[in-house]
N, C-alpha and C. Protein backbone atom coordinates (compact mmCIF):
# COMPACT_ATOMS: atom_id res chain seq x y z
N MET A 1 4.60 10.36 -17.20
CA MET A 1 4.14 9.36 -16.24
C MET A 1 2.72 8.93 -16.63
N LEU A 2 2.47 7.64 -16.51
CA LEU A 2 1.16 7.08 -16.81
C LEU A 2 0.12 7.59 -15.84
N ASP A 3 -1.03 7.99 -16.36
CA ASP A 3 -2.15 8.36 -15.50
C ASP A 3 -2.86 7.08 -15.09
N PHE A 4 -3.50 7.09 -13.95
CA PHE A 4 -4.21 5.92 -13.47
C PHE A 4 -5.31 5.59 -14.48
N PRO A 5 -5.43 4.32 -14.89
CA PRO A 5 -6.46 3.97 -15.87
C PRO A 5 -7.85 4.36 -15.39
N SER A 6 -8.65 4.95 -16.27
CA SER A 6 -9.95 5.44 -15.85
C SER A 6 -11.12 4.59 -16.36
N THR A 7 -10.85 3.66 -17.26
CA THR A 7 -11.91 2.79 -17.76
C THR A 7 -11.44 1.34 -17.70
N ALA A 8 -12.40 0.43 -17.77
CA ALA A 8 -12.07 -0.99 -17.80
C ALA A 8 -11.21 -1.30 -19.02
N HIS A 9 -11.50 -0.66 -20.14
CA HIS A 9 -10.71 -0.87 -21.36
C HIS A 9 -9.25 -0.46 -21.15
N ASP A 10 -9.03 0.68 -20.50
CA ASP A 10 -7.66 1.14 -20.23
C ASP A 10 -6.90 0.16 -19.35
N VAL A 11 -7.58 -0.39 -18.34
CA VAL A 11 -6.94 -1.36 -17.44
C VAL A 11 -6.55 -2.61 -18.23
N ARG A 12 -7.48 -3.12 -19.03
CA ARG A 12 -7.20 -4.32 -19.83
C ARG A 12 -6.06 -4.06 -20.81
N GLN A 13 -6.06 -2.90 -21.44
CA GLN A 13 -5.01 -2.57 -22.41
C GLN A 13 -3.64 -2.53 -21.74
N LEU A 14 -3.57 -1.94 -20.56
CA LEU A 14 -2.30 -1.91 -19.83
C LEU A 14 -1.85 -3.32 -19.48
N ALA A 15 -2.78 -4.18 -19.07
CA ALA A 15 -2.44 -5.57 -18.75
C ALA A 15 -1.87 -6.28 -19.98
N LEU A 16 -2.47 -6.06 -21.13
CA LEU A 16 -1.98 -6.69 -22.36
C LEU A 16 -0.61 -6.15 -22.76
N GLU A 17 -0.38 -4.86 -22.54
CA GLU A 17 0.94 -4.29 -22.82
C GLU A 17 2.00 -4.92 -21.92
N LEU A 18 1.68 -5.10 -20.64
CA LEU A 18 2.61 -5.73 -19.72
C LEU A 18 2.91 -7.16 -20.15
N VAL A 19 1.87 -7.91 -20.51
CA VAL A 19 2.07 -9.29 -20.98
C VAL A 19 3.00 -9.30 -22.18
N GLY A 20 2.76 -8.42 -23.13
CA GLY A 20 3.62 -8.34 -24.32
C GLY A 20 5.06 -8.02 -23.97
N PHE A 21 5.24 -7.09 -23.06
CA PHE A 21 6.59 -6.71 -22.63
C PHE A 21 7.31 -7.88 -21.98
N LEU A 22 6.63 -8.56 -21.06
CA LEU A 22 7.26 -9.70 -20.39
C LEU A 22 7.57 -10.81 -21.38
N LYS A 23 6.63 -11.08 -22.27
CA LYS A 23 6.84 -12.14 -23.27
C LYS A 23 8.06 -11.84 -24.11
N LYS A 24 8.27 -10.59 -24.44
CA LYS A 24 9.40 -10.19 -25.27
C LYS A 24 10.73 -10.24 -24.51
N ASN A 25 10.71 -9.98 -23.20
CA ASN A 25 11.95 -9.77 -22.46
C ASN A 25 12.38 -10.88 -21.51
N ILE A 26 11.51 -11.81 -21.16
CA ILE A 26 11.95 -12.91 -20.29
C ILE A 26 12.68 -13.92 -21.15
N ASN A 27 13.97 -14.10 -20.85
CA ASN A 27 14.79 -15.01 -21.64
C ASN A 27 15.12 -16.29 -20.91
N ASN A 28 15.44 -16.19 -19.64
CA ASN A 28 15.87 -17.36 -18.87
C ASN A 28 14.78 -17.70 -17.86
N THR A 29 14.10 -18.81 -18.08
CA THR A 29 13.01 -19.20 -17.19
C THR A 29 13.43 -20.22 -16.14
N HIS A 30 14.72 -20.59 -16.08
CA HIS A 30 15.17 -21.61 -15.14
C HIS A 30 16.31 -21.16 -14.22
N PRO A 31 16.39 -19.88 -13.85
CA PRO A 31 17.47 -19.48 -12.93
C PRO A 31 17.16 -19.95 -11.50
N PRO A 32 18.17 -19.93 -10.62
CA PRO A 32 17.88 -20.21 -9.20
C PRO A 32 16.85 -19.22 -8.67
N ARG A 33 16.20 -19.57 -7.55
CA ARG A 33 15.09 -18.78 -7.01
C ARG A 33 15.43 -17.30 -6.87
N ARG A 34 16.59 -16.99 -6.24
CA ARG A 34 16.96 -15.58 -6.03
C ARG A 34 17.11 -14.86 -7.36
N ASN A 35 17.77 -15.49 -8.32
CA ASN A 35 17.95 -14.86 -9.63
C ASN A 35 16.62 -14.72 -10.36
N TRP A 36 15.73 -15.67 -10.13
CA TRP A 36 14.39 -15.61 -10.75
C TRP A 36 13.67 -14.35 -10.31
N ASN A 37 13.64 -14.11 -9.00
CA ASN A 37 12.99 -12.91 -8.48
C ASN A 37 13.66 -11.65 -9.00
N CYS A 38 15.00 -11.62 -8.97
CA CYS A 38 15.72 -10.43 -9.45
C CYS A 38 15.40 -10.16 -10.91
N GLN A 39 15.40 -11.21 -11.73
CA GLN A 39 15.06 -11.04 -13.14
C GLN A 39 13.67 -10.45 -13.30
N ASN A 40 12.71 -11.02 -12.60
CA ASN A 40 11.33 -10.54 -12.71
C ASN A 40 11.19 -9.10 -12.22
N PHE A 41 11.80 -8.79 -11.07
CA PHE A 41 11.71 -7.44 -10.53
C PHE A 41 12.41 -6.44 -11.44
N ASN A 42 13.54 -6.83 -12.01
CA ASN A 42 14.25 -5.93 -12.93
C ASN A 42 13.40 -5.61 -14.16
N LEU A 43 12.71 -6.63 -14.67
CA LEU A 43 11.84 -6.38 -15.83
C LEU A 43 10.65 -5.49 -15.45
N LEU A 44 10.05 -5.75 -14.29
CA LEU A 44 8.94 -4.91 -13.85
C LEU A 44 9.40 -3.48 -13.62
N GLU A 45 10.61 -3.33 -13.05
CA GLU A 45 11.17 -1.99 -12.86
C GLU A 45 11.34 -1.30 -14.21
N LYS A 46 11.80 -2.03 -15.19
CA LYS A 46 12.00 -1.46 -16.52
C LYS A 46 10.65 -1.02 -17.14
N PHE A 47 9.62 -1.83 -16.96
CA PHE A 47 8.31 -1.51 -17.53
C PHE A 47 7.63 -0.37 -16.79
N PHE A 48 7.62 -0.44 -15.45
CA PHE A 48 6.87 0.53 -14.66
C PHE A 48 7.70 1.73 -14.22
N GLY A 49 9.01 1.57 -14.11
CA GLY A 49 9.89 2.59 -13.53
C GLY A 49 10.19 3.76 -14.45
N LYS A 50 11.29 4.44 -14.13
CA LYS A 50 11.66 5.68 -14.84
C LYS A 50 11.82 5.48 -16.34
N GLU A 51 12.40 4.35 -16.76
CA GLU A 51 12.59 4.10 -18.19
C GLU A 51 11.28 3.77 -18.91
N GLY A 52 10.31 3.30 -18.15
CA GLY A 52 9.04 2.88 -18.74
C GLY A 52 7.93 3.88 -18.50
N LEU A 53 7.01 3.51 -17.61
CA LEU A 53 5.83 4.33 -17.36
C LEU A 53 6.04 5.43 -16.33
N GLY A 54 7.20 5.45 -15.66
CA GLY A 54 7.51 6.51 -14.70
C GLY A 54 6.83 6.37 -13.36
N LEU A 55 6.52 5.14 -12.94
CA LEU A 55 5.81 4.92 -11.68
C LEU A 55 6.76 4.57 -10.55
N ASP A 56 6.27 4.71 -9.32
CA ASP A 56 6.99 4.25 -8.13
C ASP A 56 6.65 2.79 -7.90
N TYR A 57 7.57 2.07 -7.28
CA TYR A 57 7.36 0.64 -7.09
C TYR A 57 8.18 0.13 -5.92
N PHE A 58 7.81 -1.03 -5.43
CA PHE A 58 8.57 -1.77 -4.43
C PHE A 58 8.86 -3.13 -5.02
N PRO A 59 10.04 -3.73 -4.83
CA PRO A 59 11.17 -3.14 -4.13
C PRO A 59 11.90 -2.15 -5.03
N ASN A 60 12.64 -1.25 -4.40
CA ASN A 60 13.51 -0.35 -5.16
C ASN A 60 14.90 -0.42 -4.54
N ASP A 61 15.77 0.50 -4.88
CA ASP A 61 17.16 0.42 -4.41
C ASP A 61 17.30 0.47 -2.90
N THR A 62 16.36 1.12 -2.22
CA THR A 62 16.52 1.29 -0.77
C THR A 62 15.48 0.55 0.05
N GLU A 63 14.45 0.00 -0.58
CA GLU A 63 13.36 -0.63 0.16
C GLU A 63 13.29 -2.12 -0.15
N VAL A 64 12.74 -2.86 0.77
CA VAL A 64 12.48 -4.27 0.53
C VAL A 64 11.14 -4.40 -0.18
N GLU A 65 10.73 -5.62 -0.45
CA GLU A 65 9.49 -5.80 -1.18
C GLU A 65 8.31 -5.17 -0.45
N PHE A 66 7.30 -4.84 -1.21
CA PHE A 66 6.12 -4.16 -0.69
C PHE A 66 5.22 -5.18 0.00
N ARG A 67 4.98 -4.99 1.27
CA ARG A 67 4.09 -5.89 2.01
C ARG A 67 3.60 -5.19 3.26
N TRP A 68 2.60 -5.79 3.88
CA TRP A 68 2.04 -5.23 5.09
C TRP A 68 2.44 -6.10 6.27
N ASP A 69 2.39 -5.51 7.47
CA ASP A 69 2.76 -6.25 8.68
C ASP A 69 1.72 -7.29 9.05
N PHE A 70 0.46 -6.99 8.80
CA PHE A 70 -0.61 -7.91 9.19
C PHE A 70 -1.79 -7.71 8.25
N VAL A 71 -2.36 -8.82 7.81
CA VAL A 71 -3.55 -8.78 6.96
C VAL A 71 -4.56 -9.76 7.53
N ALA A 72 -5.78 -9.31 7.76
CA ALA A 72 -6.87 -10.19 8.15
C ALA A 72 -7.86 -10.22 6.98
N TYR A 73 -8.23 -11.41 6.57
CA TYR A 73 -9.11 -11.50 5.41
C TYR A 73 -10.24 -12.48 5.66
N VAL A 74 -11.29 -12.29 4.90
CA VAL A 74 -12.44 -13.18 4.94
C VAL A 74 -12.26 -14.12 3.75
N PRO A 75 -12.11 -15.42 4.00
CA PRO A 75 -11.91 -16.34 2.89
C PRO A 75 -12.99 -16.18 1.82
N TYR A 76 -12.56 -16.21 0.58
CA TYR A 76 -13.44 -16.11 -0.58
C TYR A 76 -14.11 -14.74 -0.73
N ARG A 77 -13.66 -13.79 0.06
CA ARG A 77 -14.24 -12.45 -0.01
C ARG A 77 -13.18 -11.38 -0.22
N GLY A 78 -12.12 -11.40 0.62
CA GLY A 78 -11.05 -10.42 0.47
C GLY A 78 -10.53 -9.92 1.80
N ASN A 79 -9.60 -8.98 1.74
CA ASN A 79 -9.03 -8.40 2.95
C ASN A 79 -10.08 -7.61 3.70
N LEU A 80 -10.09 -7.79 5.01
CA LEU A 80 -10.96 -6.99 5.87
C LEU A 80 -10.14 -5.90 6.56
N LEU A 81 -8.90 -6.25 6.92
CA LEU A 81 -8.02 -5.30 7.60
C LEU A 81 -6.60 -5.48 7.09
N VAL A 82 -5.94 -4.37 6.82
CA VAL A 82 -4.51 -4.35 6.52
C VAL A 82 -3.90 -3.43 7.55
N ALA A 83 -2.82 -3.91 8.21
CA ALA A 83 -2.24 -3.13 9.31
C ALA A 83 -0.74 -2.97 9.15
N GLU A 84 -0.26 -1.84 9.60
CA GLU A 84 1.17 -1.53 9.70
C GLU A 84 1.44 -1.06 11.11
N SER A 85 2.60 -1.45 11.63
CA SER A 85 3.01 -1.05 12.98
C SER A 85 4.46 -0.59 12.90
N GLU A 86 4.73 0.63 13.36
CA GLU A 86 6.10 1.16 13.29
C GLU A 86 6.53 1.70 14.64
N TRP A 87 7.69 1.23 15.07
CA TRP A 87 8.28 1.60 16.35
C TRP A 87 8.98 2.95 16.28
N ASP A 88 9.70 3.20 15.20
CA ASP A 88 10.56 4.38 15.07
C ASP A 88 9.70 5.62 14.80
N ASN A 89 9.57 6.49 15.82
CA ASN A 89 8.72 7.67 15.69
C ASN A 89 9.51 8.98 15.64
N ARG A 90 10.77 8.88 15.21
CA ARG A 90 11.61 10.08 15.15
C ARG A 90 11.04 11.12 14.19
N GLU A 91 11.10 12.37 14.63
CA GLU A 91 10.63 13.49 13.83
C GLU A 91 11.84 14.23 13.29
N LEU A 92 11.87 14.43 11.98
CA LEU A 92 12.96 15.15 11.33
C LEU A 92 12.38 16.25 10.44
N GLU A 93 12.62 17.49 10.81
CA GLU A 93 12.15 18.65 10.05
C GLU A 93 10.65 18.57 9.77
N GLY A 94 9.87 18.25 10.80
CA GLY A 94 8.43 18.22 10.67
C GLY A 94 7.86 16.99 10.00
N LYS A 95 8.71 16.04 9.70
CA LYS A 95 8.26 14.80 9.07
C LYS A 95 8.64 13.62 9.95
N PHE A 96 7.99 12.50 9.71
CA PHE A 96 8.25 11.26 10.43
C PHE A 96 8.59 10.19 9.40
N PRO A 97 9.85 10.15 8.93
CA PRO A 97 10.20 9.30 7.78
C PRO A 97 9.78 7.83 7.91
N GLU A 98 10.07 7.21 9.00
CA GLU A 98 9.74 5.79 9.14
C GLU A 98 8.23 5.58 9.27
N LEU A 99 7.58 6.43 10.04
CA LEU A 99 6.13 6.32 10.17
C LEU A 99 5.44 6.52 8.82
N GLU A 100 5.86 7.53 8.10
CA GLU A 100 5.24 7.83 6.82
C GLU A 100 5.48 6.72 5.80
N ARG A 101 6.68 6.15 5.80
CA ARG A 101 6.99 5.07 4.85
C ARG A 101 6.03 3.90 5.07
N ASP A 102 5.83 3.52 6.32
CA ASP A 102 4.93 2.40 6.62
C ASP A 102 3.47 2.78 6.39
N PHE A 103 3.08 3.96 6.80
CA PHE A 103 1.69 4.40 6.62
C PHE A 103 1.32 4.42 5.14
N ASP A 104 2.25 4.88 4.29
CA ASP A 104 1.95 4.99 2.87
C ASP A 104 1.60 3.64 2.25
N LYS A 105 2.09 2.55 2.81
CA LYS A 105 1.73 1.23 2.29
C LYS A 105 0.23 1.00 2.40
N LEU A 106 -0.38 1.55 3.43
CA LEU A 106 -1.83 1.38 3.63
C LEU A 106 -2.64 2.11 2.57
N LEU A 107 -2.08 3.17 2.01
CA LEU A 107 -2.83 3.97 1.04
C LEU A 107 -3.21 3.14 -0.18
N TYR A 108 -2.41 2.12 -0.49
CA TYR A 108 -2.62 1.35 -1.71
C TYR A 108 -3.21 -0.03 -1.46
N ALA A 109 -3.58 -0.30 -0.22
CA ALA A 109 -4.19 -1.59 0.10
C ALA A 109 -5.67 -1.57 -0.23
N ARG A 110 -6.17 -2.68 -0.71
CA ARG A 110 -7.61 -2.81 -0.95
C ARG A 110 -8.19 -3.52 0.25
N SER A 111 -8.77 -2.74 1.14
CA SER A 111 -9.30 -3.27 2.38
C SER A 111 -10.19 -2.21 3.01
N PRO A 112 -11.33 -2.60 3.57
CA PRO A 112 -12.19 -1.59 4.18
C PRO A 112 -11.62 -0.98 5.46
N LEU A 113 -10.78 -1.73 6.17
CA LEU A 113 -10.15 -1.22 7.39
C LEU A 113 -8.64 -1.17 7.21
N LYS A 114 -8.07 -0.02 7.55
CA LYS A 114 -6.63 0.19 7.44
C LYS A 114 -6.13 0.74 8.77
N LEU A 115 -5.34 -0.05 9.45
CA LEU A 115 -4.88 0.29 10.79
C LEU A 115 -3.40 0.63 10.78
N PHE A 116 -3.06 1.76 11.39
CA PHE A 116 -1.66 2.14 11.56
C PHE A 116 -1.39 2.35 13.04
N MET A 117 -0.40 1.64 13.56
CA MET A 117 -0.05 1.74 14.99
C MET A 117 1.35 2.31 15.12
N CYS A 118 1.50 3.25 16.06
CA CYS A 118 2.80 3.86 16.32
C CYS A 118 2.91 4.23 17.80
N ARG A 119 4.11 4.60 18.22
CA ARG A 119 4.34 5.02 19.61
C ARG A 119 4.33 6.54 19.69
N ILE A 120 3.92 7.04 20.85
CA ILE A 120 3.97 8.49 21.08
C ILE A 120 4.54 8.76 22.47
N GLY A 121 5.00 10.00 22.68
CA GLY A 121 5.52 10.40 23.98
C GLY A 121 4.54 11.23 24.77
N ASP A 122 3.59 11.88 24.06
CA ASP A 122 2.60 12.73 24.71
C ASP A 122 1.52 13.09 23.69
N PRO A 123 0.42 13.71 24.13
CA PRO A 123 -0.67 14.05 23.20
C PRO A 123 -0.25 14.98 22.05
N GLU A 124 0.68 15.89 22.31
CA GLU A 124 1.14 16.80 21.25
C GLU A 124 1.87 16.03 20.15
N HIS A 125 2.63 15.03 20.54
CA HIS A 125 3.34 14.17 19.59
C HIS A 125 2.32 13.45 18.71
N ALA A 126 1.26 12.91 19.32
CA ALA A 126 0.20 12.23 18.57
C ALA A 126 -0.45 13.18 17.57
N GLU A 127 -0.71 14.40 17.98
CA GLU A 127 -1.34 15.37 17.09
C GLU A 127 -0.44 15.71 15.91
N ARG A 128 0.86 15.87 16.14
CA ARG A 128 1.78 16.16 15.03
C ARG A 128 1.81 14.98 14.04
N ILE A 129 1.78 13.77 14.56
CA ILE A 129 1.75 12.58 13.70
C ILE A 129 0.45 12.56 12.90
N ARG A 130 -0.67 12.81 13.56
CA ARG A 130 -1.98 12.82 12.88
C ARG A 130 -1.99 13.82 11.73
N VAL A 131 -1.50 15.01 11.99
CA VAL A 131 -1.48 16.05 10.96
C VAL A 131 -0.62 15.61 9.77
N ARG A 132 0.53 15.04 10.05
CA ARG A 132 1.43 14.61 8.98
C ARG A 132 0.82 13.46 8.16
N LEU A 133 0.22 12.49 8.84
CA LEU A 133 -0.37 11.37 8.13
C LEU A 133 -1.61 11.80 7.34
N GLN A 134 -2.34 12.79 7.83
CA GLN A 134 -3.46 13.34 7.07
C GLN A 134 -2.95 13.94 5.76
N LYS A 135 -1.81 14.61 5.81
CA LYS A 135 -1.22 15.15 4.58
C LYS A 135 -0.87 14.03 3.62
N ASN A 136 -0.36 12.91 4.16
CA ASN A 136 -0.03 11.78 3.29
C ASN A 136 -1.27 11.27 2.58
N ILE A 137 -2.38 11.16 3.30
CA ILE A 137 -3.63 10.70 2.68
C ILE A 137 -4.03 11.64 1.55
N GLU A 138 -3.90 12.93 1.76
CA GLU A 138 -4.34 13.92 0.79
C GLU A 138 -3.37 14.08 -0.39
N GLU A 139 -2.08 13.87 -0.15
CA GLU A 139 -1.08 14.17 -1.18
C GLU A 139 -0.53 12.95 -1.92
N ASN A 140 -0.55 11.78 -1.31
CA ASN A 140 0.17 10.65 -1.89
C ASN A 140 -0.70 9.67 -2.65
N CYS A 141 -1.99 9.81 -2.60
CA CYS A 141 -2.88 8.92 -3.34
C CYS A 141 -4.17 9.70 -3.60
N THR A 142 -4.70 9.60 -4.80
CA THR A 142 -5.85 10.39 -5.17
C THR A 142 -7.16 9.65 -4.99
N TYR A 143 -7.15 8.35 -5.20
CA TYR A 143 -8.38 7.57 -5.19
C TYR A 143 -8.41 6.56 -4.05
N TYR A 144 -9.54 6.50 -3.39
CA TYR A 144 -9.77 5.53 -2.32
C TYR A 144 -11.12 4.89 -2.55
N SER A 145 -11.30 3.71 -1.99
CA SER A 145 -12.59 3.03 -2.11
C SER A 145 -13.60 3.66 -1.16
N PRO A 146 -14.85 3.77 -1.59
CA PRO A 146 -15.88 4.33 -0.72
C PRO A 146 -15.97 3.56 0.60
N ALA A 147 -16.15 4.30 1.67
CA ALA A 147 -16.36 3.79 3.03
C ALA A 147 -15.12 3.23 3.70
N GLU A 148 -13.94 3.27 3.07
CA GLU A 148 -12.72 2.82 3.74
C GLU A 148 -12.51 3.62 5.02
N VAL A 149 -12.00 2.95 6.04
CA VAL A 149 -11.71 3.62 7.30
C VAL A 149 -10.22 3.49 7.61
N PHE A 150 -9.57 4.62 7.81
CA PHE A 150 -8.19 4.67 8.28
C PHE A 150 -8.21 4.86 9.79
N ILE A 151 -7.42 4.08 10.49
CA ILE A 151 -7.30 4.20 11.94
C ILE A 151 -5.83 4.46 12.25
N VAL A 152 -5.54 5.56 12.92
CA VAL A 152 -4.19 5.83 13.42
C VAL A 152 -4.26 5.62 14.92
N TYR A 153 -3.59 4.59 15.39
CA TYR A 153 -3.64 4.22 16.80
C TYR A 153 -2.27 4.51 17.42
N CYS A 154 -2.24 5.51 18.30
CA CYS A 154 -0.99 5.96 18.93
C CYS A 154 -0.87 5.35 20.32
N VAL A 155 0.14 4.53 20.50
CA VAL A 155 0.35 3.84 21.77
C VAL A 155 1.20 4.72 22.69
N TRP A 156 0.63 5.07 23.82
CA TRP A 156 1.31 5.89 24.82
C TRP A 156 1.47 5.02 26.06
N TRP A 157 2.67 4.87 26.51
CA TRP A 157 2.93 3.97 27.63
C TRP A 157 1.94 4.20 28.77
N THR A 158 1.52 3.13 29.39
CA THR A 158 0.55 3.24 30.49
C THR A 158 1.19 3.88 31.71
N GLU A 159 0.35 4.47 32.52
CA GLU A 159 0.79 5.02 33.80
C GLU A 159 1.14 3.85 34.73
N GLU A 160 1.79 4.16 35.84
CA GLU A 160 2.14 3.12 36.81
C GLU A 160 0.90 2.39 37.32
N ASN A 161 -0.23 3.09 37.37
CA ASN A 161 -1.46 2.45 37.85
C ASN A 161 -2.12 1.60 36.77
N GLY A 162 -1.51 1.49 35.59
CA GLY A 162 -2.03 0.65 34.52
C GLY A 162 -3.04 1.32 33.62
N GLU A 163 -3.27 2.62 33.80
CA GLU A 163 -4.24 3.33 32.98
C GLU A 163 -3.76 3.43 31.53
N ASN A 164 -4.64 3.08 30.61
CA ASN A 164 -4.33 3.17 29.19
C ASN A 164 -4.52 4.60 28.73
N ARG A 165 -3.45 5.18 28.14
CA ARG A 165 -3.52 6.57 27.68
C ARG A 165 -3.42 6.67 26.16
N ASP A 166 -3.62 5.56 25.46
CA ASP A 166 -3.50 5.55 24.00
C ASP A 166 -4.47 6.55 23.38
N ILE A 167 -4.09 7.04 22.19
CA ILE A 167 -4.93 7.99 21.46
C ILE A 167 -5.16 7.40 20.07
N ALA A 168 -6.41 7.38 19.63
CA ALA A 168 -6.73 6.85 18.30
C ALA A 168 -7.50 7.89 17.50
N TYR A 169 -7.22 7.93 16.21
CA TYR A 169 -7.92 8.80 15.27
C TYR A 169 -8.53 7.92 14.18
N VAL A 170 -9.69 8.33 13.69
CA VAL A 170 -10.37 7.58 12.64
C VAL A 170 -10.77 8.55 11.53
N SER A 171 -10.59 8.13 10.29
CA SER A 171 -11.02 8.92 9.14
C SER A 171 -11.66 7.98 8.14
N GLN A 172 -12.89 8.31 7.71
CA GLN A 172 -13.59 7.45 6.76
C GLN A 172 -13.81 8.18 5.44
N ILE A 173 -13.61 7.44 4.35
CA ILE A 173 -13.85 7.96 3.02
C ILE A 173 -15.37 7.97 2.78
N ASP A 174 -15.87 9.03 2.16
CA ASP A 174 -17.31 9.15 1.89
C ASP A 174 -17.81 8.04 0.98
N GLY A 175 -19.07 7.72 1.11
CA GLY A 175 -19.72 6.78 0.21
C GLY A 175 -20.00 5.44 0.85
N GLU A 176 -20.73 4.62 0.11
CA GLU A 176 -21.05 3.26 0.55
C GLU A 176 -20.06 2.30 -0.10
N PRO A 177 -19.72 1.21 0.60
CA PRO A 177 -18.78 0.25 0.00
C PRO A 177 -19.33 -0.34 -1.29
N LYS A 178 -18.44 -0.59 -2.22
CA LYS A 178 -18.82 -1.19 -3.49
C LYS A 178 -17.97 -2.45 -3.69
N TYR A 179 -18.65 -3.56 -3.79
CA TYR A 179 -17.97 -4.83 -4.02
C TYR A 179 -18.56 -5.48 -5.25
N GLN A 180 -17.72 -6.05 -6.04
CA GLN A 180 -18.17 -6.69 -7.27
C GLN A 180 -17.69 -8.13 -7.26
N PRO A 181 -18.61 -9.09 -7.22
CA PRO A 181 -18.18 -10.48 -7.29
C PRO A 181 -17.62 -10.80 -8.67
N ILE A 182 -16.73 -11.75 -8.74
CA ILE A 182 -16.12 -12.13 -10.01
C ILE A 182 -17.15 -12.73 -10.95
N GLY A 183 -18.09 -13.49 -10.40
CA GLY A 183 -19.14 -14.07 -11.23
C GLY A 183 -18.59 -15.04 -12.26
N GLY A 184 -18.97 -14.87 -13.50
CA GLY A 184 -18.58 -15.81 -14.54
C GLY A 184 -17.31 -15.43 -15.28
N GLU A 185 -16.60 -14.42 -14.80
CA GLU A 185 -15.39 -14.01 -15.49
C GLU A 185 -14.35 -15.12 -15.44
N LYS A 186 -13.53 -15.21 -16.47
CA LYS A 186 -12.49 -16.23 -16.50
C LYS A 186 -11.26 -15.67 -17.19
N PHE A 187 -10.14 -16.35 -16.94
CA PHE A 187 -8.90 -15.96 -17.62
C PHE A 187 -9.00 -16.33 -19.10
N GLU A 188 -8.45 -15.46 -19.92
CA GLU A 188 -8.35 -15.71 -21.35
C GLU A 188 -6.89 -15.74 -21.72
N ILE A 189 -6.55 -16.39 -22.78
CA ILE A 189 -5.17 -16.42 -23.26
C ILE A 189 -4.82 -15.02 -23.77
N ALA A 190 -3.75 -14.45 -23.24
CA ALA A 190 -3.32 -13.12 -23.66
C ALA A 190 -2.15 -13.21 -24.64
N ALA A 191 -1.37 -14.28 -24.54
CA ALA A 191 -0.23 -14.46 -25.43
C ALA A 191 0.12 -15.94 -25.47
N LYS A 192 0.55 -16.40 -26.61
CA LYS A 192 1.01 -17.80 -26.76
C LYS A 192 2.46 -17.82 -27.15
């Protein structure tokens, strides 16, 4: 399995390898829209998946394309918030399959704020979810941007008197945010 690129040179080299692979393997550039996407996704699966670099990807056999439920962004700057909201809070053998699937999408978003909303039945349920999602943060992704904030917002139905009983947890990655403007960088021809 490919290790995450650790230098700018490694990132550029991987990009050039992908360009070369696509250039070699894209044969039909005029299929109908659905076939176009399937062709592209199949090639990306071949390059990044088990036969290629051994990485996980979306879409796969059981998942739809990788996307978030809500994104708020600052024009010309980037995402400020990426959010996921999941209704299905079923617990199976100490795990929350649907909650974890949606939460994991946030791990790979580039955004200073990452919000996850779910339903709970009581405070103990919220705590079990928090513990499980904390494990996901620690086990499913190694690198995060400095100062990113994860918010797990557990919606607990209000009392008859309208009192809000929601429970929220916040976790921030150490460090100060680092942003790099594009500046004078430009696209270069990678293949003709």
